[in-house]
Structure formats: C-alpha cells, structure tokens
Amino acid sequence: LVRRLERVGEPVDLVGHDWGCILTLRVASLRPDLVRTWAGGNGPVNAGYDWHPLARIWQDRVQGDRYMAELRAEPFAEEVAAGFDVPLHLARQMASRVDEPMKDAVLRLYRSALTVGAEWEPELSAVSAPCVVFWGARDPACQIEFGRRLGDSLHSSEVVEMDCNHWPVLQRPAEVAEILEKHWSAHAAA
C-alpha cells in the first residue's frame, strides 16, 4: 500500500472498511505524509478487541483449514445474508468470489494478526490526517464501542454511527458517500 501511494506523488484521501480500515490506518500511522484525509470503519484497532467467533475459527489451524475445505458458496451466502443483514443476491456475489487463493489469503491474514490491535493501537497517535469514522452500529463482529474508541484514538472530527450492520458501504452507500463528500469538502486544499 505504501509503495502504491508513493507512486501517486501527492497525499491521498484514504478510505478503508473492515480489514481495509485496519490496513489503511497502519499506512496512515507509518507514513502520515502520504495521507491527506482518512475515513473508515468496522475494522477495530484496539488491544481490547476480542476476535469474533468466525475469526477465531480461521485463526486455529485445524478448525480453519477444515472450515475452508468444507466451505460451499450457497450456504456461506445464506449465512452472510442472515447474520449480517446483507441482501441475499449481494451475499451470493461475495460468496462466489471465495476461491482457493482467497481462502488461503483469509487464513494467512487472520493467523498473522492475532495481536494486531495491541501492536498497532499505540501508533494511531502518529496519524496526522483529518479523520472521520463511520461504523455500522449493529455490527455483531465489530461492536460500535470499538468505532467510538477508534474515533477517540484518532481525535476524529466525527464518529458516524450508522443504522446498519457490518457493511455500511454496501448497506448504506448513499449515506457513506455523503459522509465522505462532507469530510473531503471540509478539508479541501485551499
């Protein structure tokens, strides 16, 4: 991510959701010179965050490998739709993209990140870009309290608690677009 942003040649407006939130915050903390503004949500960077049940399965070598070996698109789509309030046709689109390389990537990512909150949270103080946090307030995997804590850690101009689940970008795209436009407009170059 850092190399890609360096190639842009000027600070960018960086946005991330879920793991994108976590990873873009890491970039913003390590290389604040590359980030003009930051926005994101539903990706906790906090030492007190307990991984959600599915993450704990993926982090366990035996259980995670079995889960991925047995994963089938349609039941997974139904699980996502029911558990995260995602329209079934969109859940099916997501599930259809979970191929073998994706399964391997998910397992590697979750297994590499057991203590990412404790490791990366202290460095959030290095984020100097203006920040806004948007968070699905009904997210069972990444509870709203972690959105509030993230906003505090970043001295965010705002923490927008959205009436949706884990997927604000999918469930409330117009609202997210409005949040981003407002944020960028407030910090437009003079």
C-alpha atoms as a PDB file:
ATOM      1  CA  LEU A   1       0.000   0.000   0.000  1.00  0.00           C
ATOM      2  CA  VAL A   2       2.789   2.393   0.869  1.00  0.00           C
ATOM      3  CA  ARG A   3       4.530   1.812  -2.472  1.00  0.00           C
ATOM      4  CA  ARG A   4       1.306   2.404  -4.384  1.00  0.00           C
ATOM      5  CA  LEU A   5       0.621   5.620  -2.530  1.00  0.00           C
ATOM      6  CA  GLU A   6       4.196   6.799  -3.080  1.00  0.00           C
ATOM      7  CA  ARG A   7       3.626   6.390  -6.828  1.00  0.00           C
ATOM      8  CA  VAL A   8       0.621   8.740  -6.672  1.00  0.00           C
ATOM      9  CA  GLY A   9       3.030  11.569  -5.900  1.00  0.00           C
ATOM     10  CA  GLU A  10       0.820  13.570  -3.539  1.00  0.00           C
ATOM     11  CA  PRO A  11      -1.170  12.887  -0.359  1.00  0.00           C
ATOM     12  CA  VAL A  12      -4.413  10.996  -0.946  1.00  0.00           C
ATOM     13  CA  ASP A  13      -7.849  10.732   0.614  1.00  0.00           C
ATOM     14  CA  LEU A  14      -7.652   7.211   2.032  1.00  0.00           C
ATOM     15  CA  VAL A  15     -10.783   5.176   2.819  1.00  0.00           C
ATOM     16  CA  GLY A  16     -10.999   1.688   4.302  1.00  0.00           C
ATOM     17  CA  HIS A  17     -13.602  -0.728   5.607  1.00  0.00           C
ATOM     18  CA  ASP A  18     -13.064  -3.835   7.765  1.00  0.00           C
ATOM     19  CA  TRP A  19      -9.532  -5.026   7.036  1.00  0.00           C
ATOM     20  CA  GLY A  20      -9.187  -2.036   4.720  1.00  0.00           C
ATOM     21  CA  CYS A  21      -9.806   0.160   7.766  1.00  0.00           C
ATOM     22  CA  ILE A  22      -7.120  -1.624   9.754  1.00  0.00           C
ATOM     23  CA  LEU A  23      -4.568  -1.644   6.946  1.00  0.00           C
ATOM     24  CA  THR A  24      -5.124   1.939   5.787  1.00  0.00           C
ATOM     25  CA  LEU A  25      -4.753   3.122   9.377  1.00  0.00           C
ATOM     26  CA  ARG A  26      -1.448   1.290   9.537  1.00  0.00           C
ATOM     27  CA  VAL A  27      -0.304   3.177   6.445  1.00  0.00           C
ATOM     28  CA  ALA A  28      -1.548   6.484   7.881  1.00  0.00           C
ATOM     29  CA  SER A  29       0.356   5.841  11.118  1.00  0.00           C
ATOM     30  CA  LEU A  30       3.600   4.767   9.435  1.00  0.00           C
ATOM     31  CA  ARG A  31       3.557   7.290   6.585  1.00  0.00           C
ATOM     32  CA  PRO A  32       1.353  10.242   7.510  1.00  0.00           C
ATOM     33  CA  ASP A  33       2.977  12.231   4.703  1.00  0.00           C
ATOM     34  CA  LEU A  34       1.090  10.079   2.172  1.00  0.00           C
ATOM     35  CA  VAL A  35      -2.401  10.705   3.579  1.00  0.00           C
ATOM     36  CA  ARG A  36      -4.376  13.952   3.131  1.00  0.00           C
ATOM     37  CA  THR A  37      -7.526  12.648   4.878  1.00  0.00           C
ATOM     38  CA  TRP A  38      -8.580   9.301   6.274  1.00  0.00           C
ATOM     39  CA  ALA A  39     -12.044   7.751   6.610  1.00  0.00           C
ATOM     40  CA  GLY A  40     -13.093   4.265   7.565  1.00  0.00           C
ATOM     41  CA  GLY A  41     -14.883   1.899   9.818  1.00  0.00           C
ATOM     42  CA  ASN A  42     -15.865  -1.516  11.074  1.00  0.00           C
ATOM     43  CA  GLY A  43     -12.234  -2.510  11.500  1.00  0.00           C
ATOM     44  CA  PRO A  44     -11.138  -2.288  15.132  1.00  0.00           C
ATOM     45  CA  VAL A  45      -7.570  -1.390  16.026  1.00  0.00           C
ATOM     46  CA  ASN A  46      -7.774  -1.911  19.753  1.00  0.00           C
ATOM     47  CA  ALA A  47      -5.948  -4.105  22.254  1.00  0.00           C
ATOM     48  CA  GLY A  48      -9.267  -4.883  23.967  1.00  0.00           C
ATOM     49  CA  TYR A  49     -10.941  -6.278  20.859  1.00  0.00           C
ATOM     50  CA  ASP A  50     -11.785  -9.983  21.087  1.00  0.00           C
ATOM     51  CA  TRP A  51     -11.871 -11.598  17.674  1.00  0.00           C
ATOM     52  CA  HIS A  52     -15.323 -12.604  16.501  1.00  0.00           C
ATOM     53  CA  PRO A  53     -16.192 -16.344  16.521  1.00  0.00           C
ATOM     54  CA  LEU A  54     -15.527 -16.938  12.818  1.00  0.00           C
ATOM     55  CA  ALA A  55     -12.149 -15.189  13.049  1.00  0.00           C
ATOM     56  CA  ARG A  56     -11.204 -17.467  15.943  1.00  0.00           C
ATOM     57  CA  ILE A  57     -12.063 -20.489  13.794  1.00  0.00           C
ATOM     58  CA  TRP A  58      -9.916 -19.170  10.934  1.00  0.00           C
ATOM     59  CA  GLN A  59      -7.043 -18.458  13.331  1.00  0.00           C
ATOM     60  CA  ASP A  60      -6.985 -22.066  14.516  1.00  0.00           C
ATOM     61  CA  ARG A  61      -5.002 -24.187  12.062  1.00  0.00           C
ATOM     62  CA  VAL A  62      -7.140 -27.316  12.330  1.00  0.00           C
ATOM     63  CA  GLN A  63     -10.558 -25.676  12.554  1.00  0.00           C
ATOM     64  CA  GLY A  64      -9.723 -23.009   9.973  1.00  0.00           C
ATOM     65  CA  ASP A  65      -8.391 -25.467   7.411  1.00  0.00           C
ATOM     66  CA  ARG A  66     -11.473 -27.665   7.894  1.00  0.00           C
ATOM     67  CA  TYR A  67     -13.822 -24.678   7.625  1.00  0.00           C
ATOM     68  CA  MET A  68     -12.298 -23.575   4.319  1.00  0.00           C
ATOM     69  CA  ALA A  69     -12.172 -27.115   2.925  1.00  0.00           C
ATOM     70  CA  GLU A  70     -15.877 -27.555   3.653  1.00  0.00           C
ATOM     71  CA  LEU A  71     -16.961 -24.043   2.601  1.00  0.00           C
ATOM     72  CA  ARG A  72     -19.619 -24.001  -0.108  1.00  0.00           C
ATOM     73  CA  ALA A  73     -20.798 -20.790  -1.774  1.00  0.00           C
ATOM     74  CA  GLU A  74     -24.566 -21.046  -1.299  1.00  0.00           C
ATOM     75  CA  PRO A  75     -24.657 -21.958   2.416  1.00  0.00           C
ATOM     76  CA  PHE A  76     -21.978 -19.333   3.064  1.00  0.00           C
ATOM     77  CA  ALA A  77     -24.024 -16.714   1.197  1.00  0.00           C
ATOM     78  CA  GLU A  78     -27.082 -17.603   3.256  1.00  0.00           C
ATOM     79  CA  GLU A  79     -25.031 -17.321   6.462  1.00  0.00           C
ATOM     80  CA  VAL A  80     -23.713 -13.885   5.449  1.00  0.00           C
ATOM     81  CA  ALA A  81     -27.184 -12.708   4.428  1.00  0.00           C
ATOM     82  CA  ALA A  82     -28.813 -13.835   7.657  1.00  0.00           C
ATOM     83  CA  GLY A  83     -26.022 -12.962  10.079  1.00  0.00           C
ATOM     84  CA  PHE A  84     -25.054  -9.596   8.630  1.00  0.00           C
ATOM     85  CA  ASP A  85     -28.311  -8.329   7.130  1.00  0.00           C
ATOM     86  CA  VAL A  86     -26.937  -8.371   3.563  1.00  0.00           C
ATOM     87  CA  PRO A  87     -29.374  -8.855   0.675  1.00  0.00           C
ATOM     88  CA  LEU A  88     -29.082 -12.464  -0.488  1.00  0.00           C
ATOM     89  CA  HIS A  89     -28.181 -11.550  -4.087  1.00  0.00           C
ATOM     90  CA  LEU A  90     -25.240  -9.434  -2.840  1.00  0.00           C
ATOM     91  CA  ALA A  91     -24.169 -12.135  -0.381  1.00  0.00           C
ATOM     92  CA  ARG A  92     -24.177 -14.592  -3.279  1.00  0.00           C
ATOM     93  CA  GLN A  93     -21.927 -12.266  -5.277  1.00  0.00           C
ATOM     94  CA  MET A  94     -19.486 -12.061  -2.351  1.00  0.00           C
ATOM     95  CA  ALA A  95     -19.533 -15.806  -1.739  1.00  0.00           C
ATOM     96  CA  SER A  96     -18.961 -16.578  -5.419  1.00  0.00           C
ATOM     97  CA  ARG A  97     -15.575 -14.864  -5.191  1.00  0.00           C
ATOM     98  CA  VAL A  98     -14.303 -17.042  -2.347  1.00  0.00           C
ATOM     99  CA  ASP A  99     -11.997 -19.270  -4.356  1.00  0.00           C
ATOM    100  CA  GLU A 100      -8.966 -21.260  -3.188  1.00  0.00           C
ATOM    101  CA  PRO A 101      -6.500 -18.315  -3.315  1.00  0.00           C
ATOM    102  CA  MET A 102      -8.995 -16.198  -1.345  1.00  0.00           C
ATOM    103  CA  LYS A 103      -9.460 -18.923   1.271  1.00  0.00           C
ATOM    104  CA  ASP A 104      -5.694 -19.191   1.687  1.00  0.00           C
ATOM    105  CA  ALA A 105      -5.355 -15.406   1.936  1.00  0.00           C
ATOM    106  CA  VAL A 106      -8.075 -15.179   4.606  1.00  0.00           C
ATOM    107  CA  LEU A 107      -6.439 -17.877   6.717  1.00  0.00           C
ATOM    108  CA  ARG A 108      -2.976 -16.316   6.402  1.00  0.00           C
ATOM    109  CA  LEU A 109      -4.282 -12.841   7.209  1.00  0.00           C
ATOM    110  CA  TYR A 110      -6.207 -13.837  10.314  1.00  0.00           C
ATOM    111  CA  ARG A 111      -3.418 -16.062  11.586  1.00  0.00           C
ATOM    112  CA  SER A 112      -0.871 -13.274  11.166  1.00  0.00           C
ATOM    113  CA  ALA A 113      -2.967 -10.775  13.090  1.00  0.00           C
ATOM    114  CA  LEU A 114      -3.632 -12.360  16.462  1.00  0.00           C
ATOM    115  CA  THR A 115      -2.239  -9.344  18.348  1.00  0.00           C
ATOM    116  CA  VAL A 116      -2.576  -6.611  15.718  1.00  0.00           C
ATOM    117  CA  GLY A 117      -4.727  -4.422  17.996  1.00  0.00           C
ATOM    118  CA  ALA A 118      -2.180  -4.417  20.809  1.00  0.00           C
ATOM    119  CA  GLU A 119       0.696  -3.948  18.378  1.00  0.00           C
ATOM    120  CA  TRP A 120      -0.769  -1.183  16.202  1.00  0.00           C
ATOM    121  CA  GLU A 121      -3.074   0.734  18.546  1.00  0.00           C
ATOM    122  CA  PRO A 122      -0.273   2.761  20.216  1.00  0.00           C
ATOM    123  CA  GLU A 123       0.883   4.008  16.821  1.00  0.00           C
ATOM    124  CA  LEU A 124      -2.510   5.502  15.954  1.00  0.00           C
ATOM    125  CA  SER A 125      -1.245   8.647  17.678  1.00  0.00           C
ATOM    126  CA  ALA A 126       1.028   9.189  14.654  1.00  0.00           C
ATOM    127  CA  VAL A 127      -1.968   9.593  12.314  1.00  0.00           C
ATOM    128  CA  SER A 128      -1.993  13.297  11.497  1.00  0.00           C
ATOM    129  CA  ALA A 129      -4.580  13.412   8.708  1.00  0.00           C
ATOM    130  CA  PRO A 130      -8.082  14.648   9.493  1.00  0.00           C
ATOM    131  CA  CYS A 131     -10.183  11.559  10.207  1.00  0.00           C
ATOM    132  CA  VAL A 132     -13.822  10.529  10.168  1.00  0.00           C
ATOM    133  CA  VAL A 133     -15.072   7.152  11.380  1.00  0.00           C
ATOM    134  CA  PHE A 134     -18.263   5.608  10.009  1.00  0.00           C
ATOM    135  CA  TRP A 135     -19.473   2.427  11.676  1.00  0.00           C
ATOM    136  CA  GLY A 136     -22.393   0.054  11.329  1.00  0.00           C
ATOM    137  CA  ALA A 137     -23.860   0.362  14.816  1.00  0.00           C
ATOM    138  CA  ARG A 138     -25.473  -3.094  14.692  1.00  0.00           C
ATOM    139  CA  ASP A 139     -22.291  -4.943  13.713  1.00  0.00           C
ATOM    140  CA  PRO A 140     -22.106  -8.163  15.770  1.00  0.00           C
ATOM    141  CA  ALA A 141     -18.472  -8.831  14.812  1.00  0.00           C
ATOM    142  CA  CYS A 142     -17.006  -5.357  15.385  1.00  0.00           C
ATOM    143  CA  GLN A 143     -19.175  -3.707  18.006  1.00  0.00           C
ATOM    144  CA  ILE A 144     -19.875   0.036  17.935  1.00  0.00           C
ATOM    145  CA  GLU A 145     -17.842   0.615  21.093  1.00  0.00           C
ATOM    146  CA  PHE A 146     -14.716  -0.062  19.004  1.00  0.00           C
ATOM    147  CA  GLY A 147     -15.793   2.563  16.493  1.00  0.00           C
ATOM    148  CA  ARG A 148     -16.130   5.068  19.317  1.00  0.00           C
ATOM    149  CA  ARG A 149     -12.744   4.077  20.732  1.00  0.00           C
ATOM    150  CA  LEU A 150     -11.174   4.385  17.302  1.00  0.00           C
ATOM    151  CA  GLY A 151     -12.641   7.861  16.906  1.00  0.00           C
ATOM    152  CA  ASP A 152     -11.168   8.854  20.271  1.00  0.00           C
ATOM    153  CA  SER A 153      -7.756   7.407  19.389  1.00  0.00           C
ATOM    154  CA  LEU A 154      -7.696   9.309  16.102  1.00  0.00           C
ATOM    155  CA  HIS A 155      -9.160  12.534  17.509  1.00  0.00           C
ATOM    156  CA  SER A 156     -11.674  12.065  14.722  1.00  0.00           C
ATOM    157  CA  SER A 157     -13.793  15.004  13.673  1.00  0.00           C
ATOM    158  CA  GLU A 158     -16.782  12.686  13.818  1.00  0.00           C
ATOM    159  CA  VAL A 159     -17.844   9.122  14.538  1.00  0.00           C
ATOM    160  CA  VAL A 160     -20.939   8.427  12.461  1.00  0.00           C
ATOM    161  CA  GLU A 161     -22.954   5.580  13.957  1.00  0.00           C
ATOM    162  CA  MET A 162     -24.951   4.193  11.057  1.00  0.00           C
ATOM    163  CA  ASP A 163     -28.145   2.185  11.384  1.00  0.00           C
ATOM    164  CA  CYS A 164     -26.804  -0.924   9.700  1.00  0.00           C
ATOM    165  CA  ASN A 165     -24.705  -3.999  10.292  1.00  0.00           C
ATOM    166  CA  HIS A 166     -21.081  -4.695   9.325  1.00  0.00           C
ATOM    167  CA  TRP A 167     -21.341  -3.440   5.742  1.00  0.00           C
ATOM    168  CA  PRO A 168     -22.146   0.323   5.694  1.00  0.00           C
ATOM    169  CA  VAL A 169     -20.632   0.730   2.226  1.00  0.00           C
ATOM    170  CA  LEU A 170     -22.940  -1.992   0.922  1.00  0.00           C
ATOM    171  CA  GLN A 171     -25.987  -1.372   3.107  1.00  0.00           C
ATOM    172  CA  ARG A 172     -25.970   2.453   3.107  1.00  0.00           C
ATOM    173  CA  PRO A 173     -23.885   3.530   0.075  1.00  0.00           C
ATOM    174  CA  ALA A 174     -25.537   6.937  -0.369  1.00  0.00           C
ATOM    175  CA  GLU A 175     -25.006   7.795   3.311  1.00  0.00           C
ATOM    176  CA  VAL A 176     -21.358   6.725   3.163  1.00  0.00           C
ATOM    177  CA  ALA A 177     -20.853   8.797   0.004  1.00  0.00           C
ATOM    178  CA  GLU A 178     -22.359  11.810   1.768  1.00  0.00           C
ATOM    179  CA  ILE A 179     -20.088  11.309   4.793  1.00  0.00           C
ATOM    180  CA  LEU A 180     -17.035  11.114   2.539  1.00  0.00           C
ATOM    181  CA  GLU A 181     -18.005  14.143   0.419  1.00  0.00           C
ATOM    182  CA  LYS A 182     -18.607  16.211   3.556  1.00  0.00           C
ATOM    183  CA  HIS A 183     -15.285  15.104   5.043  1.00  0.00           C
ATOM    184  CA  TRP A 184     -13.315  15.839   1.892  1.00  0.00           C
ATOM    185  CA  SER A 185     -15.032  19.195   1.385  1.00  0.00           C
ATOM    186  CA  ALA A 186     -14.214  20.239   4.949  1.00  0.00           C
ATOM    187  CA  HIS A 187     -10.544  19.519   4.310  1.00  0.00           C
ATOM    188  CA  ALA A 188     -10.214  20.662   0.694  1.00  0.00           C
ATOM    189  CA  ALA A 189      -6.923  22.229  -0.235  1.00  0.00           C
ATOM    190  CA  ALA A 190      -7.108  25.998  -0.040  1.00  0.00           C
END
